[in-house]
Amino acid sequence: MTADQIEAIKPLIPLKRAGDPDEIAGLVAYLVRKESGYMTGSSLTIDGGMAL
């Protein structure tokens, strides 16, 4: 997305900001760790509160 497109959608996001790649990476890092081994069939939405 372009910077203009990101700015245009920010007001529509409940957190009023775009997600940071580090926020996504944190979840991905957890999912590949041994501690997440008991998780199965989960759908995790990272969208700043758009889908509640």
N, C-alpha and C. Protein backbone atom coordinates (compact mmCIF):
# COMPACT_ATOMS: atom_id res chain seq x y z
N MET A 1 0.83 -1.18 0.00
CA MET A 1 0.00 0.00 0.00
C MET A 1 0.88 1.25 0.00
N THR A 2 0.35 2.27 -0.60
CA THR A 2 1.08 3.54 -0.59
C THR A 2 0.87 4.24 0.76
N ALA A 3 1.72 5.21 1.05
CA ALA A 3 1.58 5.98 2.29
C ALA A 3 0.23 6.69 2.34
N ASP A 4 -0.23 7.19 1.20
CA ASP A 4 -1.53 7.87 1.15
C ASP A 4 -2.68 6.90 1.45
N GLN A 5 -2.59 5.68 0.95
CA GLN A 5 -3.62 4.68 1.21
C GLN A 5 -3.65 4.31 2.69
N ILE A 6 -2.49 4.16 3.28
CA ILE A 6 -2.41 3.82 4.71
C ILE A 6 -3.03 4.94 5.54
N GLU A 7 -2.70 6.18 5.23
CA GLU A 7 -3.26 7.32 5.97
C GLU A 7 -4.78 7.37 5.82
N ALA A 8 -5.29 7.01 4.65
CA ALA A 8 -6.73 7.06 4.39
C ALA A 8 -7.49 6.02 5.20
N ILE A 9 -6.90 4.87 5.48
CA ILE A 9 -7.63 3.83 6.22
C ILE A 9 -7.43 3.91 7.73
N LYS A 10 -6.46 4.65 8.20
CA LYS A 10 -6.22 4.73 9.65
C LYS A 10 -7.47 5.12 10.45
N PRO A 11 -8.26 6.09 10.01
CA PRO A 11 -9.46 6.44 10.79
C PRO A 11 -10.48 5.30 10.89
N LEU A 12 -10.41 4.34 9.98
CA LEU A 12 -11.35 3.22 9.98
C LEU A 12 -10.94 2.12 10.94
N ILE A 13 -9.70 2.12 11.38
CA ILE A 13 -9.16 1.09 12.26
C ILE A 13 -9.42 1.51 13.70
N PRO A 14 -10.02 0.63 14.53
CA PRO A 14 -10.31 1.01 15.91
C PRO A 14 -9.10 1.53 16.69
N LEU A 15 -7.91 1.02 16.45
CA LEU A 15 -6.72 1.51 17.15
C LEU A 15 -6.16 2.79 16.53
N LYS A 16 -6.75 3.21 15.41
CA LYS A 16 -6.39 4.47 14.73
C LYS A 16 -4.94 4.53 14.26
N ARG A 17 -4.39 3.39 13.93
CA ARG A 17 -3.02 3.36 13.41
C ARG A 17 -2.83 2.08 12.61
N ALA A 18 -1.81 2.09 11.77
CA ALA A 18 -1.44 0.88 11.02
C ALA A 18 -0.60 -0.02 11.92
N GLY A 19 -0.67 -1.29 11.68
CA GLY A 19 0.15 -2.23 12.43
C GLY A 19 1.62 -2.11 12.05
N ASP A 20 2.45 -2.44 13.01
CA ASP A 20 3.89 -2.40 12.81
C ASP A 20 4.38 -3.81 12.50
N PRO A 21 5.30 -3.98 11.57
CA PRO A 21 5.80 -5.32 11.26
C PRO A 21 6.30 -6.08 12.49
N ASP A 22 6.86 -5.37 13.47
CA ASP A 22 7.32 -6.04 14.69
C ASP A 22 6.16 -6.66 15.47
N GLU A 23 4.98 -6.06 15.39
CA GLU A 23 3.82 -6.61 16.08
C GLU A 23 3.40 -7.94 15.44
N ILE A 24 3.48 -8.01 14.15
CA ILE A 24 3.17 -9.25 13.44
C ILE A 24 4.25 -10.29 13.71
N ALA A 25 5.49 -9.87 13.67
CA ALA A 25 6.61 -10.78 13.89
C ALA A 25 6.57 -11.41 15.27
N GLY A 26 6.10 -10.66 16.27
CA GLY A 26 6.01 -11.21 17.63
C GLY A 26 5.09 -12.41 17.69
N LEU A 27 3.94 -12.32 17.03
CA LEU A 27 3.02 -13.45 17.01
C LEU A 27 3.61 -14.62 16.23
N VAL A 28 4.20 -14.34 15.10
CA VAL A 28 4.82 -15.40 14.29
C VAL A 28 5.92 -16.09 15.09
N ALA A 29 6.73 -15.31 15.80
CA ALA A 29 7.80 -15.89 16.62
C ALA A 29 7.23 -16.81 17.68
N TYR A 30 6.12 -16.42 18.29
CA TYR A 30 5.49 -17.29 19.29
C TYR A 30 4.99 -18.58 18.65
N LEU A 31 4.36 -18.47 17.50
CA LEU A 31 3.77 -19.64 16.86
C LEU A 31 4.80 -20.69 16.47
N VAL A 32 6.03 -20.29 16.22
CA VAL A 32 7.05 -21.27 15.84
C VAL A 32 7.82 -21.80 17.04
N ARG A 33 7.50 -21.30 18.23
CA ARG A 33 8.18 -21.77 19.44
C ARG A 33 7.52 -23.04 19.97
N LYS A 34 8.27 -23.78 20.74
CA LYS A 34 7.79 -25.00 21.37
C LYS A 34 6.56 -24.73 22.24
N GLU A 35 6.51 -23.59 22.89
CA GLU A 35 5.41 -23.26 23.80
C GLU A 35 4.05 -23.18 23.11
N SER A 36 4.03 -23.02 21.81
CA SER A 36 2.74 -22.97 21.10
C SER A 36 2.35 -24.34 20.55
N GLY A 37 3.07 -25.36 20.92
CA GLY A 37 2.86 -26.69 20.36
C GLY A 37 1.49 -27.31 20.63
N TYR A 38 0.76 -26.82 21.63
CA TYR A 38 -0.56 -27.38 21.93
C TYR A 38 -1.67 -26.68 21.16
N MET A 39 -1.33 -25.66 20.41
CA MET A 39 -2.33 -24.95 19.61
C MET A 39 -2.59 -25.71 18.32
N THR A 40 -3.86 -25.88 18.01
CA THR A 40 -4.24 -26.51 16.74
C THR A 40 -5.48 -25.81 16.19
N GLY A 41 -5.55 -25.68 14.91
CA GLY A 41 -6.74 -25.17 14.25
C GLY A 41 -7.18 -23.78 14.65
N SER A 42 -6.25 -22.94 15.01
CA SER A 42 -6.60 -21.59 15.42
C SER A 42 -6.51 -20.62 14.25
N SER A 43 -7.38 -19.64 14.28
CA SER A 43 -7.32 -18.54 13.33
C SER A 43 -7.09 -17.27 14.14
N LEU A 44 -5.93 -16.67 13.98
CA LEU A 44 -5.57 -15.48 14.74
C LEU A 44 -5.60 -14.28 13.82
N THR A 45 -6.42 -13.32 14.17
CA THR A 45 -6.57 -12.12 13.35
C THR A 45 -5.78 -10.98 13.96
N ILE A 46 -4.90 -10.41 13.18
CA ILE A 46 -4.12 -9.25 13.62
C ILE A 46 -4.55 -8.09 12.74
N ASP A 47 -5.53 -7.33 13.25
CA ASP A 47 -6.09 -6.27 12.41
C ASP A 47 -6.42 -4.99 13.16
N GLY A 48 -5.85 -4.82 14.34
CA GLY A 48 -6.08 -3.58 15.09
C GLY A 48 -7.50 -3.41 15.61
N GLY A 49 -8.24 -4.50 15.69
CA GLY A 49 -9.59 -4.45 16.22
C GLY A 49 -10.69 -4.34 15.18
N MET A 50 -10.35 -4.49 13.91
CA MET A 50 -11.37 -4.38 12.86
C MET A 50 -12.42 -5.49 12.99
N ALA A 51 -12.00 -6.69 13.33
CA ALA A 51 -12.92 -7.82 13.47
C ALA A 51 -13.00 -8.21 14.94
N LEU A 52 -14.06 -7.77 15.58
CA LEU A 52 -14.25 -8.11 17.00
C LEU A 52 -15.35 -9.12 17.15
